[in-house]
Amino acid sequence: MRLEAEKFTKILSHLQGICTTLGYEDIKFLCWLEKEEGNMEFVLEDGKSNQRLSFILPFKKA
């Protein structure tokens, strides 16, 4: 579980860098796992403009 948490932390760090580069401010990170479909969905929300960026990554259990 610790390794998965470290991977997740790295993903969020990269996402924060991307958002900063794109000019997003006051970012909220939302994430959930869709167990039935095996996907993890990430949603980034800019609190200032209420814009959202959403994407889905395949997630497989080891």
PDB file of N, CA and C in Angstrom:
ATOM      1  N   MET A   1       0.807  -1.193   0.000  1.00  0.00           N
ATOM      2  CA  MET A   1       0.000   0.000   0.000  1.00  0.00           C
ATOM      3  C   MET A   1       0.853   1.262   0.000  1.00  0.00           C
ATOM      4  N   ARG A   2       1.991   1.220   0.681  1.00  0.00           N
ATOM      5  CA  ARG A   2       2.843   2.403   0.744  1.00  0.00           C
ATOM      6  C   ARG A   2       3.355   2.763  -0.644  1.00  0.00           C
ATOM      7  N   LEU A   3       3.746   1.757  -1.425  1.00  0.00           N
ATOM      8  CA  LEU A   3       4.238   2.008  -2.776  1.00  0.00           C
ATOM      9  C   LEU A   3       3.153   2.668  -3.621  1.00  0.00           C
ATOM     10  N   GLU A   4       1.926   2.192  -3.508  1.00  0.00           N
ATOM     11  CA  GLU A   4       0.819   2.790  -4.255  1.00  0.00           C
ATOM     12  C   GLU A   4       0.596   4.235  -3.823  1.00  0.00           C
ATOM     13  N   ALA A   5       0.710   4.505  -2.531  1.00  0.00           N
ATOM     14  CA  ALA A   5       0.546   5.874  -2.037  1.00  0.00           C
ATOM     15  C   ALA A   5       1.646   6.780  -2.585  1.00  0.00           C
ATOM     16  N   GLU A   6       2.866   6.260  -2.673  1.00  0.00           N
ATOM     17  CA  GLU A   6       3.975   7.046  -3.225  1.00  0.00           C
ATOM     18  C   GLU A   6       3.746   7.340  -4.703  1.00  0.00           C
ATOM     19  N   LYS A   7       3.259   6.369  -5.453  1.00  0.00           N
ATOM     20  CA  LYS A   7       2.950   6.583  -6.872  1.00  0.00           C
ATOM     21  C   LYS A   7       1.852   7.630  -7.021  1.00  0.00           C
ATOM     22  N   PHE A   8       0.836   7.535  -6.186  1.00  0.00           N
ATOM     23  CA  PHE A   8      -0.272   8.476  -6.226  1.00  0.00           C
ATOM     24  C   PHE A   8       0.216   9.892  -5.927  1.00  0.00           C
ATOM     25  N   THR A   9       1.099  10.026  -4.939  1.00  0.00           N
ATOM     26  CA  THR A   9       1.663  11.326  -4.582  1.00  0.00           C
ATOM     27  C   THR A   9       2.447  11.917  -5.745  1.00  0.00           C
ATOM     28  N   LYS A  10       3.206  11.094  -6.447  1.00  0.00           N
ATOM     29  CA  LYS A  10       3.969  11.571  -7.607  1.00  0.00           C
ATOM     30  C   LYS A  10       3.037  12.036  -8.722  1.00  0.00           C
ATOM     31  N   ILE A  11       1.975  11.291  -8.945  1.00  0.00           N
ATOM     32  CA  ILE A  11       1.007  11.676  -9.976  1.00  0.00           C
ATOM     33  C   ILE A  11       0.410  13.041  -9.648  1.00  0.00           C
ATOM     34  N   LEU A  12      -0.009  13.232  -8.395  1.00  0.00           N
ATOM     35  CA  LEU A  12      -0.597  14.514  -8.003  1.00  0.00           C
ATOM     36  C   LEU A  12       0.400  15.652  -8.115  1.00  0.00           C
ATOM     37  N   SER A  13       1.657  15.376  -7.807  1.00  0.00           N
ATOM     38  CA  SER A  13       2.695  16.401  -7.924  1.00  0.00           C
ATOM     39  C   SER A  13       2.859  16.836  -9.376  1.00  0.00           C
ATOM     40  N   HIS A  14       2.877  15.865 -10.291  1.00  0.00           N
ATOM     41  CA  HIS A  14       2.988  16.189 -11.717  1.00  0.00           C
ATOM     42  C   HIS A  14       1.761  16.965 -12.196  1.00  0.00           C
ATOM     43  N   LEU A  15       0.591  16.560 -11.735  1.00  0.00           N
ATOM     44  CA  LEU A  15      -0.635  17.255 -12.118  1.00  0.00           C
ATOM     45  C   LEU A  15      -0.633  18.698 -11.633  1.00  0.00           C
ATOM     46  N   GLN A  16      -0.131  18.912 -10.430  1.00  0.00           N
ATOM     47  CA  GLN A  16      -0.067  20.274  -9.907  1.00  0.00           C
ATOM     48  C   GLN A  16       0.858  21.127 -10.764  1.00  0.00           C
ATOM     49  N   GLY A  17       1.987  20.564 -11.201  1.00  0.00           N
ATOM     50  CA  GLY A  17       2.905  21.285 -12.080  1.00  0.00           C
ATOM     51  C   GLY A  17       2.268  21.637 -13.410  1.00  0.00           C
ATOM     52  N   ILE A  18       1.524  20.699 -13.971  1.00  0.00           N
ATOM     53  CA  ILE A  18       0.828  20.940 -15.236  1.00  0.00           C
ATOM     54  C   ILE A  18      -0.190  22.063 -15.069  1.00  0.00           C
ATOM     55  N   CYS A  19      -0.953  22.011 -13.995  1.00  0.00           N
ATOM     56  CA  CYS A  19      -1.977  23.037 -13.749  1.00  0.00           C
ATOM     57  C   CYS A  19      -1.351  24.410 -13.571  1.00  0.00           C
ATOM     58  N   THR A  20      -0.252  24.476 -12.848  1.00  0.00           N
ATOM     59  CA  THR A  20       0.428  25.754 -12.651  1.00  0.00           C
ATOM     60  C   THR A  20       0.906  26.303 -13.987  1.00  0.00           C
ATOM     61  N   THR A  21       1.461  25.438 -14.827  1.00  0.00           N
ATOM     62  CA  THR A  21       1.928  25.846 -16.149  1.00  0.00           C
ATOM     63  C   THR A  21       0.772  26.369 -17.003  1.00  0.00           C
ATOM     64  N   LEU A  22      -0.390  25.752 -16.871  1.00  0.00           N
ATOM     65  CA  LEU A  22      -1.564  26.164 -17.645  1.00  0.00           C
ATOM     66  C   LEU A  22      -2.252  27.398 -17.061  1.00  0.00           C
ATOM     67  N   GLY A  23      -1.803  27.845 -15.901  1.00  0.00           N
ATOM     68  CA  GLY A  23      -2.353  29.059 -15.311  1.00  0.00           C
ATOM     69  C   GLY A  23      -3.522  28.851 -14.366  1.00  0.00           C
ATOM     70  N   TYR A  24      -3.779  27.618 -13.959  1.00  0.00           N
ATOM     71  CA  TYR A  24      -4.854  27.365 -13.004  1.00  0.00           C
ATOM     72  C   TYR A  24      -4.423  27.826 -11.614  1.00  0.00           C
ATOM     73  N   GLU A  25      -5.376  28.346 -10.840  1.00  0.00           N
ATOM     74  CA  GLU A  25      -5.115  28.783  -9.472  1.00  0.00           C
ATOM     75  C   GLU A  25      -6.121  28.127  -8.531  1.00  0.00           C
ATOM     76  N   ASP A  26      -5.747  28.033  -7.264  1.00  0.00           N
ATOM     77  CA  ASP A  26      -6.642  27.485  -6.241  1.00  0.00           C
ATOM     78  C   ASP A  26      -7.197  26.127  -6.682  1.00  0.00           C
ATOM     79  N   ILE A  27      -6.293  25.209  -7.010  1.00  0.00           N
ATOM     80  CA  ILE A  27      -6.668  23.911  -7.566  1.00  0.00           C
ATOM     81  C   ILE A  27      -7.175  22.961  -6.484  1.00  0.00           C
ATOM     82  N   LYS A  28      -8.252  22.255  -6.801  1.00  0.00           N
ATOM     83  CA  LYS A  28      -8.758  21.178  -5.957  1.00  0.00           C
ATOM     84  C   LYS A  28      -8.559  19.883  -6.733  1.00  0.00           C
ATOM     85  N   PHE A  29      -8.013  18.871  -6.078  1.00  0.00           N
ATOM     86  CA  PHE A  29      -7.820  17.572  -6.705  1.00  0.00           C
ATOM     87  C   PHE A  29      -8.890  16.615  -6.196  1.00  0.00           C
ATOM     88  N   LEU A  30      -9.619  16.021  -7.109  1.00  0.00           N
ATOM     89  CA  LEU A  30     -10.599  15.000  -6.772  1.00  0.00           C
ATOM     90  C   LEU A  30     -10.179  13.721  -7.483  1.00  0.00           C
ATOM     91  N   CYS A  31     -10.319  12.606  -6.816  1.00  0.00           N
ATOM     92  CA  CYS A  31      -9.903  11.348  -7.425  1.00  0.00           C
ATOM     93  C   CYS A  31     -10.762  10.222  -6.870  1.00  0.00           C
ATOM     94  N   TRP A  32     -11.132   9.290  -7.734  1.00  0.00           N
ATOM     95  CA  TRP A  32     -11.838   8.118  -7.263  1.00  0.00           C
ATOM     96  C   TRP A  32     -11.547   6.944  -8.178  1.00  0.00           C
ATOM     97  N   LEU A  33     -11.717   5.768  -7.638  1.00  0.00           N
ATOM     98  CA  LEU A  33     -11.457   4.528  -8.353  1.00  0.00           C
ATOM     99  C   LEU A  33     -12.784   3.890  -8.723  1.00  0.00           C
ATOM    100  N   GLU A  34     -12.929   3.572 -10.001  1.00  0.00           N
ATOM    101  CA  GLU A  34     -14.113   2.854 -10.477  1.00  0.00           C
ATOM    102  C   GLU A  34     -13.746   1.377 -10.522  1.00  0.00           C
ATOM    103  N   LYS A  35     -14.076   0.660  -9.467  1.00  0.00           N
ATOM    104  CA  LYS A  35     -13.643  -0.729  -9.324  1.00  0.00           C
ATOM    105  C   LYS A  35     -14.165  -1.630 -10.436  1.00  0.00           C
ATOM    106  N   GLU A  36     -15.416  -1.450 -10.812  1.00  0.00           N
ATOM    107  CA  GLU A  36     -16.003  -2.332 -11.819  1.00  0.00           C
ATOM    108  C   GLU A  36     -15.311  -2.188 -13.172  1.00  0.00           C
ATOM    109  N   GLU A  37     -14.923  -0.963 -13.508  1.00  0.00           N
ATOM    110  CA  GLU A  37     -14.321  -0.718 -14.812  1.00  0.00           C
ATOM    111  C   GLU A  37     -12.800  -0.706 -14.767  1.00  0.00           C
ATOM    112  N   GLY A  38     -12.226  -0.724 -13.570  1.00  0.00           N
ATOM    113  CA  GLY A  38     -10.776  -0.749 -13.438  1.00  0.00           C
ATOM    114  C   GLY A  38     -10.099   0.551 -13.823  1.00  0.00           C
ATOM    115  N   ASN A  39     -10.765   1.670 -13.623  1.00  0.00           N
ATOM    116  CA  ASN A  39     -10.207   2.976 -13.968  1.00  0.00           C
ATOM    117  C   ASN A  39     -10.113   3.863 -12.740  1.00  0.00           C
ATOM    118  N   MET A  40      -9.177   4.785 -12.782  1.00  0.00           N
ATOM    119  CA  MET A  40      -9.086   5.815 -11.768  1.00  0.00           C
ATOM    120  C   MET A  40      -9.337   7.143 -12.459  1.00  0.00           C
ATOM    121  N   GLU A  41     -10.299   7.897 -11.967  1.00  0.00           N
ATOM    122  CA  GLU A  41     -10.620   9.181 -12.578  1.00  0.00           C
ATOM    123  C   GLU A  41     -10.078  10.307 -11.712  1.00  0.00           C
ATOM    124  N   PHE A  42      -9.395  11.236 -12.363  1.00  0.00           N
ATOM    125  CA  PHE A  42      -8.868  12.419 -11.701  1.00  0.00           C
ATOM    126  C   PHE A  42      -9.623  13.634 -12.218  1.00  0.00           C
ATOM    127  N   VAL A  43     -10.009  14.508 -11.322  1.00  0.00           N
ATOM    128  CA  VAL A  43     -10.645  15.764 -11.702  1.00  0.00           C
ATOM    129  C   VAL A  43      -9.888  16.887 -11.013  1.00  0.00           C
ATOM    130  N   LEU A  44      -9.475  17.853 -11.786  1.00  0.00           N
ATOM    131  CA  LEU A  44      -8.820  19.040 -11.256  1.00  0.00           C
ATOM    132  C   LEU A  44      -9.786  20.197 -11.430  1.00  0.00           C
ATOM    133  N   GLU A  45     -10.036  20.916 -10.361  1.00  0.00           N
ATOM    134  CA  GLU A  45     -10.989  22.019 -10.423  1.00  0.00           C
ATOM    135  C   GLU A  45     -10.303  23.308 -10.000  1.00  0.00           C
ATOM    136  N   ASP A  46     -10.437  24.327 -10.835  1.00  0.00           N
ATOM    137  CA  ASP A  46      -9.892  25.648 -10.542  1.00  0.00           C
ATOM    138  C   ASP A  46     -10.941  26.412  -9.739  1.00  0.00           C
ATOM    139  N   GLY A  47     -10.649  26.681  -8.469  1.00  0.00           N
ATOM    140  CA  GLY A  47     -11.607  27.344  -7.596  1.00  0.00           C
ATOM    141  C   GLY A  47     -11.935  28.763  -8.002  1.00  0.00           C
ATOM    142  N   LYS A  48     -11.033  29.411  -8.728  1.00  0.00           N
ATOM    143  CA  LYS A  48     -11.253  30.801  -9.122  1.00  0.00           C
ATOM    144  C   LYS A  48     -12.232  30.905 -10.294  1.00  0.00           C
ATOM    145  N   SER A  49     -12.046  30.082 -11.310  1.00  0.00           N
ATOM    146  CA  SER A  49     -12.879  30.179 -12.516  1.00  0.00           C
ATOM    147  C   SER A  49     -13.915  29.060 -12.624  1.00  0.00           C
ATOM    148  N   ASN A  50     -13.863  28.095 -11.689  1.00  0.00           N
ATOM    149  CA  ASN A  50     -14.752  26.930 -11.701  1.00  0.00           C
ATOM    150  C   ASN A  50     -14.594  26.073 -12.952  1.00  0.00           C
ATOM    151  N   GLN A  51     -13.436  26.137 -13.599  1.00  0.00           N
ATOM    152  CA  GLN A  51     -13.158  25.259 -14.733  1.00  0.00           C
ATOM    153  C   GLN A  51     -12.698  23.910 -14.196  1.00  0.00           C
ATOM    154  N   ARG A  52     -13.007  22.856 -14.966  1.00  0.00           N
ATOM    155  CA  ARG A  52     -12.612  21.506 -14.562  1.00  0.00           C
ATOM    156  C   ARG A  52     -11.832  20.827 -15.675  1.00  0.00           C
ATOM    157  N   LEU A  53     -10.853  20.046 -15.266  1.00  0.00           N
ATOM    158  CA  LEU A  53     -10.087  19.203 -16.170  1.00  0.00           C
ATOM    159  C   LEU A  53     -10.231  17.786 -15.636  1.00  0.00           C
ATOM    160  N   SER A  54     -10.730  16.893 -16.456  1.00  0.00           N
ATOM    161  CA  SER A  54     -11.003  15.533 -16.015  1.00  0.00           C
ATOM    162  C   SER A  54     -10.334  14.541 -16.957  1.00  0.00           C
ATOM    163  N   PHE A  55      -9.746  13.495 -16.397  1.00  0.00           N
ATOM    164  CA  PHE A  55      -9.210  12.426 -17.231  1.00  0.00           C
ATOM    165  C   PHE A  55      -9.229  11.119 -16.465  1.00  0.00           C
ATOM    166  N   ILE A  56      -9.183  10.038 -17.213  1.00  0.00           N
ATOM    167  CA  ILE A  56      -9.285   8.693 -16.649  1.00  0.00           C
ATOM    168  C   ILE A  56      -8.016   7.917 -16.983  1.00  0.00           C
ATOM    169  N   LEU A  57      -7.478   7.239 -15.975  1.00  0.00           N
ATOM    170  CA  LEU A  57      -6.309   6.388 -16.159  1.00  0.00           C
ATOM    171  C   LEU A  57      -6.701   4.948 -15.861  1.00  0.00           C
ATOM    172  N   PRO A  58      -6.204   3.994 -16.659  1.00  0.00           N
ATOM    173  CA  PRO A  58      -6.452   2.590 -16.327  1.00  0.00           C
ATOM    174  C   PRO A  58      -5.733   2.251 -15.028  1.00  0.00           C
ATOM    175  N   PHE A  59      -6.357   1.466 -14.190  1.00  0.00           N
ATOM    176  CA  PHE A  59      -5.792   1.107 -12.895  1.00  0.00           C
ATOM    177  C   PHE A  59      -5.910  -0.395 -12.731  1.00  0.00           C
ATOM    178  N   LYS A  60      -4.787  -1.048 -12.533  1.00  0.00           N
ATOM    179  CA  LYS A  60      -4.795  -2.500 -12.377  1.00  0.00           C
ATOM    180  C   LYS A  60      -4.182  -2.860 -11.038  1.00  0.00           C
ATOM    181  N   LYS A  61      -4.801  -3.803 -10.376  1.00  0.00           N
ATOM    182  CA  LYS A  61      -4.253  -4.295  -9.110  1.00  0.00           C
ATOM    183  C   LYS A  61      -3.064  -5.191  -9.405  1.00  0.00           C
ATOM    184  N   ALA A  62      -2.082  -5.140  -8.503  1.00  0.00           N
ATOM    185  CA  ALA A  62      -0.881  -5.971  -8.666  1.00  0.00           C
ATOM    186  C   ALA A  62      -1.176  -7.400  -8.301  1.00  0.00           C
TER     187      ALA A  62
END
